[in-house]
Each structure stands twice: as structure tokens, then as C-alpha cells.
Amino acid sequence: MNSYETVFILTPVLSDDQAKEAVQKFEGEMEALGAKIKHSENWGLRKLAYPIQKKSTGFYFLIEFEADGNVLAGYELMMKRDERVLRFLTVKMDVDHVTYAEKRRAKAGATA
């Protein structure tokens, strides 16, 4: 199984509860496809670098997970079909990236 991380932006017209519900739906779908969620982070409402669909802000989220490569096709299709998602990017994490992410989480957990 490979490690991946996805950063995605949800439309700002959603309430906080609706955004959290969307993330839970994505996580549930990923687990149904066979992925194992390692970490999920809410980065909150942020300004976009450029307008997307006439929106200047969006809810940012990060999900780190482990999955086989064939799971990604179904997951990305689900993201493309959901109208709440403005943009998303999935990246395969190498060993150094995984180590950095674990250190970042440990540091954030110590300061929180």
C-alpha cells in the first residue's frame, strides 16, 4: 500500500457543518474503496490565490491515507463529480514526505 495525501477546497457557500459532513462522506467513501485514513486536517476558510467559479474563498482540507493505486481512480472520480469541490490535488508521499508529515503532526499536537 502506498501513502497519499489529498488537499481539496470546498465551496464557501457551505456552512461549517455542511463542510464537515462533506469531509466525513469523502472519508467514508475512501474507506469503502479500501483506503485507510491516517490523518485528516481542517485548514479552515481561506482566500484563494485566484477566483474559481467566481468564488474568492474556500474551505481547505487535508486527508492523508494509505491505499492501493487502483483506489485512486474511483476516489478522484468521486471528487470530480461532487459539485462542492472546487479543486483537489492528490500526491503520492515518499519516505521523506511521510517522515516530515509525522513530525509536523507531532509538533502541532505538542503546541495545541
N, C-alpha and C. Protein backbone atom coordinates (compact mmCIF):
# COMPACT_ATOMS: atom_id res chain seq x y z
N MET A 1 0.84 -1.19 0.00
CA MET A 1 0.00 0.00 0.00
C MET A 1 0.88 1.25 0.00
N ASN A 2 0.47 2.23 -0.76
CA ASN A 2 1.19 3.48 -0.86
C ASN A 2 0.54 4.54 0.03
N SER A 3 1.33 5.53 0.42
CA SER A 3 0.81 6.66 1.19
C SER A 3 0.51 7.81 0.26
N TYR A 4 -0.62 8.45 0.47
CA TYR A 4 -1.05 9.59 -0.34
C TYR A 4 -1.56 10.69 0.57
N GLU A 5 -1.58 11.90 0.04
CA GLU A 5 -2.27 12.98 0.71
C GLU A 5 -3.05 13.77 -0.33
N THR A 6 -4.23 14.20 0.07
CA THR A 6 -5.09 14.99 -0.80
C THR A 6 -5.41 16.29 -0.10
N VAL A 7 -5.23 17.39 -0.81
CA VAL A 7 -5.69 18.69 -0.35
C VAL A 7 -6.82 19.08 -1.28
N PHE A 8 -7.96 19.45 -0.70
CA PHE A 8 -9.07 19.86 -1.54
C PHE A 8 -9.74 21.10 -0.96
N ILE A 9 -10.41 21.83 -1.85
CA ILE A 9 -11.07 23.08 -1.49
C ILE A 9 -12.55 22.91 -1.75
N LEU A 10 -13.35 23.17 -0.72
CA LEU A 10 -14.81 23.12 -0.85
C LEU A 10 -15.35 24.53 -1.04
N THR A 11 -16.48 24.63 -1.69
CA THR A 11 -17.10 25.91 -1.96
C THR A 11 -17.44 26.65 -0.66
N PRO A 12 -17.28 27.96 -0.62
CA PRO A 12 -17.52 28.72 0.62
C PRO A 12 -19.00 28.94 0.94
N VAL A 13 -19.91 28.55 0.06
CA VAL A 13 -21.33 28.75 0.35
C VAL A 13 -21.85 27.73 1.36
N LEU A 14 -21.04 26.73 1.69
CA LEU A 14 -21.42 25.72 2.68
C LEU A 14 -21.24 26.28 4.08
N SER A 15 -22.05 25.79 5.01
CA SER A 15 -21.83 26.13 6.42
C SER A 15 -20.71 25.24 6.94
N ASP A 16 -20.22 25.53 8.15
CA ASP A 16 -19.16 24.70 8.73
C ASP A 16 -19.63 23.25 8.88
N ASP A 17 -20.88 23.07 9.31
CA ASP A 17 -21.41 21.72 9.48
C ASP A 17 -21.50 20.98 8.15
N GLN A 18 -21.94 21.68 7.11
CA GLN A 18 -22.04 21.05 5.80
C GLN A 18 -20.66 20.67 5.26
N ALA A 19 -19.66 21.50 5.51
CA ALA A 19 -18.30 21.20 5.06
C ALA A 19 -17.76 19.96 5.79
N LYS A 20 -17.98 19.89 7.10
CA LYS A 20 -17.53 18.73 7.87
C LYS A 20 -18.25 17.46 7.42
N GLU A 21 -19.53 17.60 7.11
CA GLU A 21 -20.31 16.47 6.62
C GLU A 21 -19.76 15.97 5.28
N ALA A 22 -19.37 16.88 4.41
CA ALA A 22 -18.79 16.50 3.12
C ALA A 22 -17.48 15.75 3.32
N VAL A 23 -16.65 16.22 4.24
CA VAL A 23 -15.37 15.55 4.51
C VAL A 23 -15.62 14.14 5.06
N GLN A 24 -16.58 14.01 5.96
CA GLN A 24 -16.91 12.69 6.50
C GLN A 24 -17.39 11.76 5.41
N LYS A 25 -18.16 12.30 4.46
CA LYS A 25 -18.64 11.49 3.32
C LYS A 25 -17.45 11.01 2.49
N PHE A 26 -16.50 11.92 2.21
CA PHE A 26 -15.33 11.54 1.42
C PHE A 26 -14.52 10.47 2.14
N GLU A 27 -14.32 10.64 3.45
CA GLU A 27 -13.56 9.65 4.21
C GLU A 27 -14.26 8.30 4.21
N GLY A 28 -15.58 8.31 4.37
CA GLY A 28 -16.34 7.06 4.33
C GLY A 28 -16.25 6.37 2.99
N GLU A 29 -16.33 7.14 1.92
CA GLU A 29 -16.21 6.58 0.57
C GLU A 29 -14.82 5.99 0.34
N MET A 30 -13.80 6.69 0.86
CA MET A 30 -12.44 6.20 0.70
C MET A 30 -12.25 4.88 1.42
N GLU A 31 -12.78 4.79 2.64
CA GLU A 31 -12.66 3.54 3.39
C GLU A 31 -13.44 2.42 2.71
N ALA A 32 -14.58 2.77 2.11
CA ALA A 32 -15.35 1.76 1.38
C ALA A 32 -14.58 1.25 0.16
N LEU A 33 -13.76 2.11 -0.44
CA LEU A 33 -12.95 1.71 -1.59
C LEU A 33 -11.71 0.91 -1.17
N GLY A 34 -11.40 0.90 0.13
CA GLY A 34 -10.28 0.11 0.62
C GLY A 34 -9.11 0.93 1.15
N ALA A 35 -9.27 2.24 1.26
CA ALA A 35 -8.20 3.09 1.78
C ALA A 35 -8.25 3.13 3.31
N LYS A 36 -7.11 3.41 3.92
CA LYS A 36 -7.02 3.55 5.37
C LYS A 36 -6.65 5.00 5.67
N ILE A 37 -7.54 5.74 6.33
CA ILE A 37 -7.31 7.15 6.66
C ILE A 37 -6.31 7.23 7.81
N LYS A 38 -5.21 7.96 7.60
CA LYS A 38 -4.20 8.13 8.63
C LYS A 38 -4.39 9.43 9.40
N HIS A 39 -4.78 10.50 8.69
CA HIS A 39 -4.89 11.80 9.33
C HIS A 39 -5.79 12.70 8.48
N SER A 40 -6.54 13.55 9.17
CA SER A 40 -7.40 14.50 8.48
C SER A 40 -7.27 15.84 9.19
N GLU A 41 -7.20 16.91 8.41
CA GLU A 41 -7.00 18.24 8.97
C GLU A 41 -7.92 19.24 8.30
N ASN A 42 -8.50 20.12 9.10
CA ASN A 42 -9.32 21.21 8.59
C ASN A 42 -8.48 22.48 8.65
N TRP A 43 -8.19 23.07 7.51
CA TRP A 43 -7.39 24.30 7.47
C TRP A 43 -8.27 25.53 7.50
N GLY A 44 -9.57 25.36 7.44
CA GLY A 44 -10.49 26.48 7.57
C GLY A 44 -10.76 27.23 6.27
N LEU A 45 -11.48 28.32 6.41
CA LEU A 45 -11.84 29.17 5.28
C LEU A 45 -10.67 30.08 4.96
N ARG A 46 -10.18 30.01 3.72
CA ARG A 46 -9.02 30.81 3.30
C ARG A 46 -9.30 31.48 1.96
N LYS A 47 -8.55 32.54 1.74
CA LYS A 47 -8.66 33.26 0.47
C LYS A 47 -7.94 32.48 -0.61
N LEU A 48 -8.54 32.40 -1.79
CA LEU A 48 -7.93 31.71 -2.92
C LEU A 48 -6.95 32.64 -3.62
N ALA A 49 -5.96 32.08 -4.27
CA ALA A 49 -4.98 32.88 -5.00
C ALA A 49 -5.61 33.55 -6.22
N TYR A 50 -6.62 32.91 -6.78
CA TYR A 50 -7.34 33.46 -7.93
C TYR A 50 -8.77 32.93 -7.86
N PRO A 51 -9.73 33.64 -8.43
CA PRO A 51 -11.13 33.19 -8.36
C PRO A 51 -11.34 31.86 -9.08
N ILE A 52 -12.13 31.00 -8.47
CA ILE A 52 -12.53 29.74 -9.06
C ILE A 52 -14.06 29.71 -9.01
N GLN A 53 -14.69 29.57 -10.15
CA GLN A 53 -16.15 29.59 -10.26
C GLN A 53 -16.74 30.83 -9.59
N LYS A 54 -16.08 31.96 -9.80
CA LYS A 54 -16.48 33.27 -9.25
C LYS A 54 -16.48 33.30 -7.73
N LYS A 55 -15.68 32.44 -7.09
CA LYS A 55 -15.55 32.41 -5.64
C LYS A 55 -14.12 32.83 -5.29
N SER A 56 -13.98 33.65 -4.25
CA SER A 56 -12.64 34.12 -3.87
C SER A 56 -12.13 33.47 -2.59
N THR A 57 -12.97 32.66 -1.92
CA THR A 57 -12.55 31.94 -0.72
C THR A 57 -13.01 30.49 -0.83
N GLY A 58 -12.51 29.65 0.07
CA GLY A 58 -12.91 28.25 0.09
C GLY A 58 -12.45 27.57 1.36
N PHE A 59 -13.12 26.47 1.71
CA PHE A 59 -12.74 25.66 2.87
C PHE A 59 -11.66 24.68 2.43
N TYR A 60 -10.50 24.75 3.06
CA TYR A 60 -9.38 23.86 2.74
C TYR A 60 -9.35 22.68 3.70
N PHE A 61 -9.08 21.50 3.17
CA PHE A 61 -8.97 20.28 3.97
C PHE A 61 -7.80 19.44 3.45
N LEU A 62 -7.19 18.69 4.37
CA LEU A 62 -6.10 17.77 4.04
C LEU A 62 -6.47 16.40 4.57
N ILE A 63 -6.30 15.38 3.75
CA ILE A 63 -6.51 14.00 4.18
C ILE A 63 -5.28 13.19 3.77
N GLU A 64 -4.68 12.51 4.76
CA GLU A 64 -3.57 11.59 4.49
C GLU A 64 -4.12 10.18 4.61
N PHE A 65 -3.78 9.32 3.65
CA PHE A 65 -4.31 7.96 3.66
C PHE A 65 -3.37 6.99 2.99
N GLU A 66 -3.60 5.71 3.25
CA GLU A 66 -2.86 4.64 2.61
C GLU A 66 -3.83 3.86 1.74
N ALA A 67 -3.42 3.56 0.52
CA ALA A 67 -4.30 2.83 -0.39
C ALA A 67 -3.49 2.21 -1.51
N ASP A 68 -4.10 1.28 -2.20
CA ASP A 68 -3.51 0.73 -3.42
C ASP A 68 -3.74 1.74 -4.54
N GLY A 69 -2.93 1.66 -5.57
CA GLY A 69 -3.03 2.59 -6.68
C GLY A 69 -4.37 2.56 -7.40
N ASN A 70 -5.01 1.39 -7.45
CA ASN A 70 -6.28 1.29 -8.17
C ASN A 70 -7.43 1.98 -7.44
N VAL A 71 -7.27 2.30 -6.17
CA VAL A 71 -8.30 3.00 -5.39
C VAL A 71 -8.39 4.47 -5.83
N LEU A 72 -7.27 5.03 -6.27
CA LEU A 72 -7.23 6.45 -6.62
C LEU A 72 -8.19 6.82 -7.75
N ALA A 73 -8.34 5.97 -8.72
CA ALA A 73 -9.22 6.28 -9.85
C ALA A 73 -10.65 6.49 -9.36
N GLY A 74 -11.14 5.61 -8.53
CA GLY A 74 -12.50 5.74 -8.00
C GLY A 74 -12.64 6.95 -7.09
N TYR A 75 -11.61 7.20 -6.29
CA TYR A 75 -11.64 8.33 -5.36
C TYR A 75 -11.65 9.65 -6.13
N GLU A 76 -10.78 9.78 -7.12
CA GLU A 76 -10.72 11.04 -7.88
C GLU A 76 -11.97 11.25 -8.72
N LEU A 77 -12.57 10.19 -9.21
CA LEU A 77 -13.83 10.32 -9.93
C LEU A 77 -14.92 10.86 -9.01
N MET A 78 -14.95 10.38 -7.77
CA MET A 78 -15.92 10.86 -6.79
C MET A 78 -15.71 12.36 -6.51
N MET A 79 -14.45 12.78 -6.40
CA MET A 79 -14.16 14.19 -6.15
C MET A 79 -14.58 15.06 -7.34
N LYS A 80 -14.34 14.58 -8.55
CA LYS A 80 -14.70 15.34 -9.75
C LYS A 80 -16.21 15.50 -9.89
N ARG A 81 -16.96 14.50 -9.47
CA ARG A 81 -18.41 14.53 -9.61
C ARG A 81 -19.10 15.37 -8.55
N ASP A 82 -18.45 15.62 -7.45
CA ASP A 82 -19.08 16.37 -6.35
C ASP A 82 -18.99 17.87 -6.64
N GLU A 83 -20.14 18.52 -6.71
CA GLU A 83 -20.17 19.95 -7.06
C GLU A 83 -19.66 20.84 -5.94
N ARG A 84 -19.51 20.31 -4.73
CA ARG A 84 -19.00 21.11 -3.61
C ARG A 84 -17.50 21.30 -3.68
N VAL A 85 -16.80 20.46 -4.44
CA VAL A 85 -15.34 20.51 -4.55
C VAL A 85 -14.94 21.48 -5.66
N LEU A 86 -14.20 22.53 -5.29
CA LEU A 86 -13.70 23.48 -6.28
C LEU A 86 -12.44 22.94 -6.95
N ARG A 87 -11.50 22.47 -6.15
CA ARG A 87 -10.24 21.91 -6.64
C ARG A 87 -9.76 20.83 -5.67
N PHE A 88 -8.95 19.90 -6.20
CA PHE A 88 -8.30 18.92 -5.34
C PHE A 88 -6.99 18.51 -5.97
N LEU A 89 -6.07 18.04 -5.14
CA LEU A 89 -4.79 17.55 -5.62
C LEU A 89 -4.37 16.38 -4.74
N THR A 90 -4.09 15.25 -5.35
CA THR A 90 -3.63 14.07 -4.64
C THR A 90 -2.18 13.82 -5.01
N VAL A 91 -1.34 13.60 -3.98
CA VAL A 91 0.09 13.42 -4.17
C VAL A 91 0.52 12.13 -3.47
N LYS A 92 1.34 11.34 -4.17
CA LYS A 92 1.92 10.15 -3.56
C LYS A 92 3.07 10.59 -2.67
N MET A 93 3.07 10.12 -1.43
CA MET A 93 4.08 10.52 -0.45
C MET A 93 5.23 9.51 -0.46
N ASP A 94 6.48 10.03 -0.57
CA ASP A 94 7.64 9.15 -0.46
C ASP A 94 8.03 9.06 1.02
N VAL A 95 9.09 8.35 1.32
CA VAL A 95 9.50 8.11 2.72
C VAL A 95 9.79 9.42 3.45
N ASP A 96 10.49 10.33 2.80
CA ASP A 96 10.82 11.60 3.44
C ASP A 96 9.57 12.44 3.69
N HIS A 97 8.65 12.41 2.77
CA HIS A 97 7.40 13.15 2.92
C HIS A 97 6.60 12.60 4.10
N VAL A 98 6.52 11.28 4.24
CA VAL A 98 5.80 10.65 5.35
C VAL A 98 6.45 11.05 6.68
N THR A 99 7.78 11.01 6.73
CA THR A 99 8.50 11.38 7.95
C THR A 99 8.24 12.83 8.32
N TYR A 100 8.28 13.71 7.32
CA TYR A 100 8.02 15.14 7.57
C TYR A 100 6.59 15.34 8.08
N ALA A 101 5.63 14.66 7.48
CA ALA A 101 4.22 14.81 7.89
C ALA A 101 4.03 14.35 9.33
N GLU A 102 4.69 13.25 9.71
CA GLU A 102 4.57 12.76 11.09
C GLU A 102 5.19 13.74 12.08
N LYS A 103 6.34 14.32 11.73
CA LYS A 103 6.98 15.32 12.61
C LYS A 103 6.11 16.56 12.73
N ARG A 104 5.52 16.98 11.61
CA ARG A 104 4.65 18.18 11.62
C ARG A 104 3.44 17.95 12.52
N ARG A 105 2.84 16.76 12.42
CA ARG A 105 1.68 16.44 13.27
C ARG A 105 2.07 16.39 14.74
N ALA A 106 3.24 15.80 15.05
CA ALA A 106 3.71 15.70 16.43
C ALA A 106 3.96 17.11 16.99
N LYS A 107 4.57 17.97 16.18
CA LYS A 107 4.84 19.35 16.62
C LYS A 107 3.54 20.11 16.82
N ALA A 108 2.59 19.95 15.92
CA ALA A 108 1.29 20.63 16.06
C ALA A 108 0.52 20.10 17.28
N GLY A 109 0.64 18.81 17.53
CA GLY A 109 -0.04 18.22 18.70
C GLY A 109 0.58 18.70 20.00
N ALA A 110 1.89 18.97 20.01
CA ALA A 110 2.56 19.44 21.22
C ALA A 110 2.20 20.89 21.52
N THR A 111 1.97 21.71 20.48
CA THR A 111 1.65 23.11 20.71
C THR A 111 0.17 23.33 20.96
N ALA A 112 -0.66 22.40 20.57
CA ALA A 112 -2.12 22.57 20.74
C ALA A 112 -2.56 22.30 22.14
